[in-house]
Amino acid sequence: MKMELGQLQPAHNMARPLAIDARGLVKRFEGTLAVDGVDLAVPEGAIYGILGPNGAGKTTTLRMLIGIIDPDTGTRRVLGHDRPQEIARQIGYLPEERGLYPSMKAVEAIAFMGALRGVPLAQGRRRGRELLERHGLGHAADRQIRQLSKGMAQTVQLLGTLVHRPRLVVFDEPFSGLDALNQGKLEELIRNLAAEGTTVIFSTHVIAHAERLCEGIAIIAGGQVPFAGSVDVARDRIAPQVRLETRAADGPWRSALPADARSATKAGAGTFWHFSLPDGGIEQLLRRLIEGEAGILSLSIERAGLHDAFVAIAGEAAARALGRTNDGEDA
């Protein structure tokens, strides 16, 4: 299902200029369709997530956006330019496949990555030491990469992505392989980048990261984007969820609950029900429960989470694939 252009919803305010404006991106590899008509609109300064399981087309989409590969068809405009290769020095990219020279010192690795984006080596070394100090790794500046822990080495590569002070930063699965502590540090870094006006786009198969961080998301499944817009709009695709505890297990009040209401009984407690808020709203539901003498012990209404929205938008198969991708990963 390809989105119509009229469905595009920039992540926040329509008045903000777009850092990314992509239309109908298509890419095939040896006859296999990897990306099929992707549309994206990402405002400047936004934190934007590309959410989907492995193999969904996330990496191919990111690489097309920043000019590492060209689409077979479609257009992309990045920071106001039609050819992203020409503004590579304004873009920072952290690929999913990490790689640093093991014998290189941490500060030299950062300076080297900066030099690839036009930063003089001496300036890159100064900025590298400043970045390492700011992120708690000043003590490791002159250590070789092989002497660092995996998390420290990943941080060095991350800082090398930022040393040239890009306007747009693209991370491909940046949380992969990080422990909970370093994931938290990375989330803080992403928020700080956005607060400074940098646009941050990252791909992830972990819904929790997108839900905590993102202003807007694109859900990608099978190389297509069935939804692109704000996290709030995605969650509003699902009716609010009701959690109800009743003293009575049955009675005429049961007709107030939808047919798919799920129930569970706990020893020494009432009956617990979980269902979507009916069309009549909470007032009508309460009235029917009270009149039917359900014996309300507790009742809460929760907004649907992004996971439920993902299932509703992308389908159960994509959600199962996402779950398999998440096996063994920290959320």
Protein backbone atom coordinates (compact mmCIF):
# COMPACT_ATOMS: atom_id res chain seq x y z
CA MET A 1 0.00 0.00 0.00
CA LYS A 2 1.62 3.22 -1.14
CA MET A 3 0.71 6.45 0.57
CA GLU A 4 -0.98 9.18 -1.43
CA LEU A 5 0.82 12.50 -1.18
CA GLY A 6 -2.18 14.02 0.55
CA GLN A 7 -1.68 11.62 3.46
CA LEU A 8 1.80 12.88 4.24
CA GLN A 9 1.96 14.45 7.66
CA PRO A 10 5.17 16.24 8.64
CA ALA A 11 6.18 15.28 12.12
CA HIS A 12 5.13 18.52 13.80
CA ASN A 13 4.36 21.94 12.39
CA MET A 14 3.55 22.35 8.71
CA ALA A 15 5.21 25.79 8.81
CA ARG A 16 8.63 24.33 9.56
CA PRO A 17 10.91 23.84 6.54
CA LEU A 18 11.59 20.24 5.62
CA ALA A 19 14.99 18.67 6.18
CA ILE A 20 13.86 15.66 4.13
CA ASP A 21 11.23 15.62 1.41
CA ALA A 22 11.09 12.28 -0.42
CA ARG A 23 8.50 11.17 -2.95
CA GLY A 24 7.95 7.72 -4.41
CA LEU A 25 11.38 6.22 -3.71
CA VAL A 26 11.80 2.82 -5.37
CA LYS A 27 14.85 0.56 -5.25
CA ARG A 28 15.50 -2.90 -6.67
CA PHE A 29 18.53 -5.12 -6.16
CA GLU A 30 19.05 -7.77 -8.84
CA GLY A 31 15.38 -7.74 -9.65
CA THR A 32 14.21 -7.89 -6.02
CA LEU A 33 12.05 -4.96 -4.92
CA ALA A 34 13.57 -3.65 -1.67
CA VAL A 35 11.73 -0.32 -1.37
CA ASP A 36 8.43 0.31 -3.08
CA GLY A 37 7.25 3.92 -3.31
CA VAL A 38 8.38 5.43 0.00
CA ASP A 39 7.24 8.99 0.81
CA LEU A 40 8.72 10.90 3.76
CA ALA A 41 8.47 14.48 5.04
CA VAL A 42 10.73 15.33 7.98
CA PRO A 43 10.79 18.91 9.40
CA GLU A 44 14.07 20.53 10.38
CA GLY A 45 14.98 19.99 14.02
CA ALA A 46 12.74 16.93 14.42
CA ILE A 47 13.59 13.56 15.90
CA TYR A 48 12.16 11.14 13.38
CA GLY A 49 12.10 7.35 13.54
CA ILE A 50 11.97 4.76 10.77
CA LEU A 51 10.30 1.84 12.49
CA GLY A 52 10.14 -1.73 11.23
CA PRO A 53 11.61 -5.23 11.46
CA ASN A 54 14.90 -6.27 9.90
CA GLY A 55 14.58 -6.66 6.15
CA ALA A 56 11.73 -4.15 5.92
CA GLY A 57 13.74 -1.69 3.81
CA LYS A 58 14.90 0.73 6.52
CA THR A 59 18.61 0.76 5.65
CA THR A 60 17.99 1.02 1.92
CA THR A 61 15.63 3.95 2.53
CA LEU A 62 18.17 5.79 4.71
CA ARG A 63 20.95 5.27 2.19
CA MET A 64 18.80 6.62 -0.62
CA LEU A 65 17.85 9.66 1.44
CA ILE A 66 21.44 10.76 2.00
CA GLY A 67 22.79 9.81 -1.41
CA ILE A 68 24.86 6.71 -0.64
CA ILE A 69 22.75 4.96 -3.27
CA ASP A 70 20.37 6.44 -5.80
CA PRO A 71 16.72 5.43 -6.13
CA ASP A 72 15.61 3.72 -9.33
CA THR A 73 12.68 6.12 -9.41
CA GLY A 74 11.41 8.89 -7.16
CA THR A 75 12.81 12.16 -5.87
CA ARG A 76 14.42 13.31 -2.63
CA ARG A 77 15.27 16.77 -1.40
CA VAL A 78 17.68 17.00 1.53
CA LEU A 79 18.31 20.29 3.35
CA GLY A 80 16.96 22.08 0.30
CA HIS A 81 19.20 20.24 -2.19
CA ASP A 82 18.19 17.74 -4.85
CA ARG A 83 21.61 16.04 -4.83
CA PRO A 84 22.48 15.02 -1.24
CA GLN A 85 25.99 13.99 -2.30
CA GLU A 86 26.81 17.67 -2.81
CA ILE A 87 26.06 18.51 0.85
CA ALA A 88 27.70 15.45 2.43
CA ARG A 89 29.59 17.72 4.84
CA GLN A 90 26.29 18.82 6.36
CA ILE A 91 25.22 15.23 7.03
CA GLY A 92 26.38 12.79 9.70
CA TYR A 93 25.77 9.08 9.10
CA LEU A 94 26.27 6.18 11.50
CA PRO A 95 25.81 2.89 9.63
CA GLU A 96 24.53 -0.25 11.31
CA GLU A 97 27.82 -1.98 10.45
CA ARG A 98 30.27 -0.41 12.89
CA GLY A 99 33.97 -0.27 12.06
CA LEU A 100 37.04 1.51 13.43
CA TYR A 101 40.75 0.88 12.96
CA PRO A 102 41.75 -1.11 16.10
CA SER A 103 45.22 0.42 16.38
CA MET A 104 44.00 4.01 16.08
CA LYS A 105 43.64 6.12 19.23
CA ALA A 106 40.14 7.24 20.12
CA VAL A 107 40.82 10.92 19.52
CA GLU A 108 42.58 10.17 16.22
CA ALA A 109 39.63 8.03 15.08
CA ILE A 110 37.27 10.95 15.66
CA ALA A 111 39.64 13.39 13.92
CA PHE A 112 39.99 11.00 10.97
CA MET A 113 36.20 10.73 10.57
CA GLY A 114 36.00 14.52 10.73
CA ALA A 115 38.66 14.86 8.07
CA LEU A 116 36.50 12.79 5.73
CA ARG A 117 33.92 15.58 6.09
CA GLY A 118 36.35 18.45 5.59
CA VAL A 119 37.47 19.17 9.17
CA PRO A 120 41.25 19.87 9.39
CA LEU A 121 42.98 17.20 11.48
CA ALA A 122 44.19 19.62 14.17
CA GLN A 123 40.69 21.00 14.59
CA GLY A 124 39.27 17.47 14.57
CA ARG A 125 41.62 16.46 17.39
CA ARG A 126 40.55 19.47 19.47
CA ARG A 127 36.89 18.78 18.87
CA GLY A 128 37.45 15.07 19.48
CA ARG A 129 38.94 15.67 22.92
CA GLU A 130 36.11 18.07 23.76
CA LEU A 131 33.50 15.51 22.72
CA LEU A 132 35.18 12.70 24.62
CA GLU A 133 35.38 14.84 27.77
CA ARG A 134 31.75 15.89 27.43
CA HIS A 135 30.63 12.28 27.15
CA GLY A 136 32.71 10.89 29.98
CA LEU A 137 35.49 9.37 27.90
CA GLY A 138 38.20 11.98 28.30
CA HIS A 139 40.37 9.41 30.09
CA ALA A 140 40.26 7.19 26.99
CA ALA A 141 41.23 9.80 24.41
CA ASP A 142 44.72 8.36 23.85
CA ARG A 143 43.78 4.70 24.17
CA GLN A 144 43.72 2.49 21.11
CA ILE A 145 40.29 1.34 19.94
CA ARG A 146 41.27 -2.27 20.69
CA GLN A 147 41.76 -1.29 24.35
CA LEU A 148 38.20 0.06 24.69
CA SER A 149 35.07 -1.82 25.66
CA LYS A 150 32.49 -2.42 22.94
CA GLY A 151 30.24 0.32 24.31
CA MET A 152 33.12 2.81 24.50
CA ALA A 153 34.18 2.02 20.93
CA GLN A 154 30.62 2.52 19.72
CA THR A 155 30.54 5.88 21.49
CA VAL A 156 33.77 6.90 19.75
CA GLN A 157 32.27 6.08 16.36
CA LEU A 158 29.13 7.97 17.29
CA LEU A 159 31.16 11.06 18.23
CA GLY A 160 33.06 10.76 14.97
CA THR A 161 29.69 11.03 13.23
CA LEU A 162 29.11 14.37 14.97
CA VAL A 163 32.56 15.96 14.97
CA HIS A 164 31.94 18.00 11.79
CA ARG A 165 28.77 19.47 13.40
CA PRO A 166 26.25 18.30 10.81
CA ARG A 167 22.80 19.83 10.34
CA LEU A 168 21.29 16.39 9.68
CA VAL A 169 22.27 13.21 11.53
CA VAL A 170 21.17 9.78 10.32
CA PHE A 171 21.63 6.77 12.60
CA ASP A 172 20.97 3.22 11.36
CA GLU A 173 19.96 1.02 14.31
CA PRO A 174 22.07 3.11 16.74
CA PHE A 175 20.85 1.26 19.86
CA SER A 176 21.81 -2.18 18.59
CA GLY A 177 24.37 -3.85 20.85
CA LEU A 178 24.28 -1.17 23.56
CA ASP A 179 23.49 -2.02 27.18
CA ALA A 180 20.68 -0.22 29.00
CA LEU A 181 23.02 2.44 30.44
CA ASN A 182 24.53 3.36 27.09
CA GLN A 183 21.10 3.29 25.44
CA GLY A 184 19.99 5.90 27.95
CA LYS A 185 23.05 8.03 27.22
CA LEU A 186 22.37 7.82 23.50
CA GLU A 187 18.74 8.85 23.99
CA GLU A 188 19.95 11.91 25.93
CA LEU A 189 22.44 12.76 23.19
CA ILE A 190 19.71 12.57 20.53
CA ARG A 191 17.46 14.87 22.55
CA ASN A 192 20.32 17.35 22.99
CA LEU A 193 21.05 17.35 19.26
CA ALA A 194 17.42 18.16 18.48
CA ALA A 195 17.38 20.88 21.16
CA GLU A 196 20.31 22.51 19.33
CA GLY A 197 18.35 22.45 16.05
CA THR A 198 19.91 19.37 14.47
CA THR A 199 17.55 17.06 12.59
CA VAL A 200 17.92 13.46 13.76
CA ILE A 201 16.60 10.46 11.83
CA PHE A 202 17.16 6.97 13.13
CA SER A 203 15.97 3.53 12.17
CA THR A 204 14.99 1.06 14.85
CA HIS A 205 13.14 -2.19 15.41
CA VAL A 206 12.59 -1.33 19.09
CA ILE A 207 9.27 0.46 19.48
CA ALA A 208 10.13 1.79 22.95
CA HIS A 209 12.91 4.01 21.57
CA ALA A 210 10.63 5.51 18.94
CA GLU A 211 7.84 6.06 21.45
CA ARG A 212 10.13 7.84 23.94
CA LEU A 213 12.05 9.97 21.49
CA CYS A 214 10.25 10.62 18.27
CA GLU A 215 8.14 13.54 17.23
CA GLY A 216 7.28 11.71 14.02
CA ILE A 217 7.68 8.20 12.63
CA ALA A 218 7.43 6.26 9.43
CA ILE A 219 6.31 2.67 9.80
CA ILE A 220 7.92 0.57 7.09
CA ALA A 221 6.96 -3.01 6.26
CA GLY A 222 7.82 -4.94 3.13
CA GLY A 223 9.49 -1.90 1.59
CA GLN A 224 6.34 0.22 1.87
CA VAL A 225 5.25 2.97 4.25
CA PRO A 226 1.63 2.45 5.37
CA PHE A 227 1.96 5.33 7.84
CA ALA A 228 4.10 8.46 8.14
CA GLY A 229 3.24 11.16 10.64
CA SER A 230 3.25 12.03 14.32
CA VAL A 231 3.43 9.43 17.07
CA ASP A 232 0.23 10.85 18.53
CA VAL A 233 -1.67 10.41 15.27
CA ALA A 234 -0.40 6.82 15.00
CA ARG A 235 -1.58 6.02 18.52
CA ASP A 236 -4.95 7.62 17.84
CA ARG A 237 -5.56 4.97 15.17
CA ILE A 238 -6.54 2.75 18.12
CA ALA A 239 -9.42 3.53 20.46
CA PRO A 240 -8.47 4.18 24.12
CA GLN A 241 -8.09 0.99 26.11
CA VAL A 242 -10.31 0.34 29.15
CA ARG A 243 -9.17 -1.72 32.13
CA LEU A 244 -12.09 -2.61 34.37
CA GLU A 245 -12.42 -4.65 37.55
CA THR A 246 -15.92 -5.76 38.55
CA ARG A 247 -17.25 -7.51 41.63
CA ALA A 248 -19.80 -9.43 39.55
CA ALA A 249 -18.58 -11.89 36.94
CA ASP A 250 -21.76 -11.79 34.86
CA GLY A 251 -25.08 -10.03 34.52
CA PRO A 252 -27.08 -7.80 32.19
CA TRP A 253 -24.33 -5.18 32.34
CA ARG A 254 -22.19 -7.50 30.19
CA SER A 255 -24.03 -6.16 27.13
CA ALA A 256 -22.20 -2.85 27.73
CA LEU A 257 -18.87 -4.52 26.94
CA PRO A 258 -17.75 -5.14 23.37
CA ALA A 259 -17.77 -8.71 22.11
CA ASP A 260 -13.96 -8.91 22.08
CA ALA A 261 -13.57 -7.89 25.75
CA ARG A 262 -10.96 -10.09 27.42
CA SER A 263 -11.46 -11.21 31.01
CA ALA A 264 -9.42 -12.79 33.79
CA THR A 265 -10.29 -13.71 37.37
CA LYS A 266 -7.74 -13.54 40.18
CA ALA A 267 -8.08 -15.37 43.48
CA GLY A 268 -9.56 -13.15 46.16
CA ALA A 269 -10.31 -10.35 43.70
CA GLY A 270 -12.92 -9.40 41.17
CA THR A 271 -13.02 -10.05 37.44
CA PHE A 272 -10.68 -8.02 35.29
CA TRP A 273 -11.69 -6.86 31.81
CA HIS A 274 -9.64 -5.31 29.01
CA PHE A 275 -11.27 -3.82 25.91
CA SER A 276 -11.38 -0.83 23.58
CA LEU A 277 -13.57 2.06 24.68
CA PRO A 278 -16.99 1.59 23.01
CA ASP A 279 -18.30 4.21 20.60
CA GLY A 280 -20.76 5.56 23.18
CA GLY A 281 -17.89 6.86 25.32
CA ILE A 282 -17.11 6.56 29.01
CA GLU A 283 -20.32 8.20 30.30
CA GLN A 284 -22.59 5.69 28.57
CA LEU A 285 -20.35 2.80 29.63
CA LEU A 286 -20.39 3.87 33.29
CA ARG A 287 -24.14 4.35 33.32
CA ARG A 288 -24.80 0.87 31.96
CA LEU A 289 -22.32 -0.74 34.35
CA ILE A 290 -23.87 1.01 37.36
CA GLU A 291 -27.46 0.33 36.31
CA GLY A 292 -26.56 -3.31 35.67
CA GLU A 293 -24.99 -3.64 39.14
CA ALA A 294 -21.61 -4.75 37.85
CA GLY A 295 -19.98 -3.59 41.09
CA ILE A 296 -17.13 -1.45 39.72
CA LEU A 297 -14.00 -2.00 41.83
CA SER A 298 -11.63 -0.09 39.54
CA LEU A 299 -11.68 1.48 36.10
CA SER A 300 -8.96 3.18 34.08
CA ILE A 301 -8.69 4.39 30.52
CA GLU A 302 -5.31 4.31 28.80
CA ARG A 303 -4.28 5.70 25.46
CA ALA A 304 -3.15 2.99 23.06
CA GLY A 305 0.60 2.44 22.92
CA LEU A 306 2.72 2.65 19.78
CA HIS A 307 3.04 -1.14 19.68
CA ASP A 308 -0.73 -1.55 19.35
CA ALA A 309 -0.72 1.17 16.70
CA PHE A 310 2.05 -0.64 14.81
CA VAL A 311 -0.01 -3.84 14.80
CA ALA A 312 -3.09 -1.99 13.56
CA ILE A 313 -1.18 -0.17 10.83
CA ALA A 314 1.39 -2.73 9.63
CA GLY A 315 -0.47 -5.94 10.46
CA GLU A 316 0.13 -8.94 12.68
CA ALA A 317 2.77 -10.45 10.39
CA ALA A 318 4.96 -7.34 10.53
CA ALA A 319 4.48 -7.17 14.30
CA ARG A 320 5.58 -10.79 14.68
CA ALA A 321 8.64 -10.06 12.54
CA LEU A 322 9.38 -7.06 14.73
CA GLY A 323 9.09 -9.28 17.80
CA ARG A 324 11.52 -11.80 16.35
CA THR A 325 13.95 -8.97 15.57
CA ASN A 326 13.66 -7.77 19.16
CA ASP A 327 14.54 -11.16 20.66
CA GLY A 328 17.62 -10.66 22.79
CA GLU A 329 17.60 -6.87 22.43
CA ASP A 330 17.21 -4.43 25.28
CA ALA A 331 14.21 -2.13 24.98
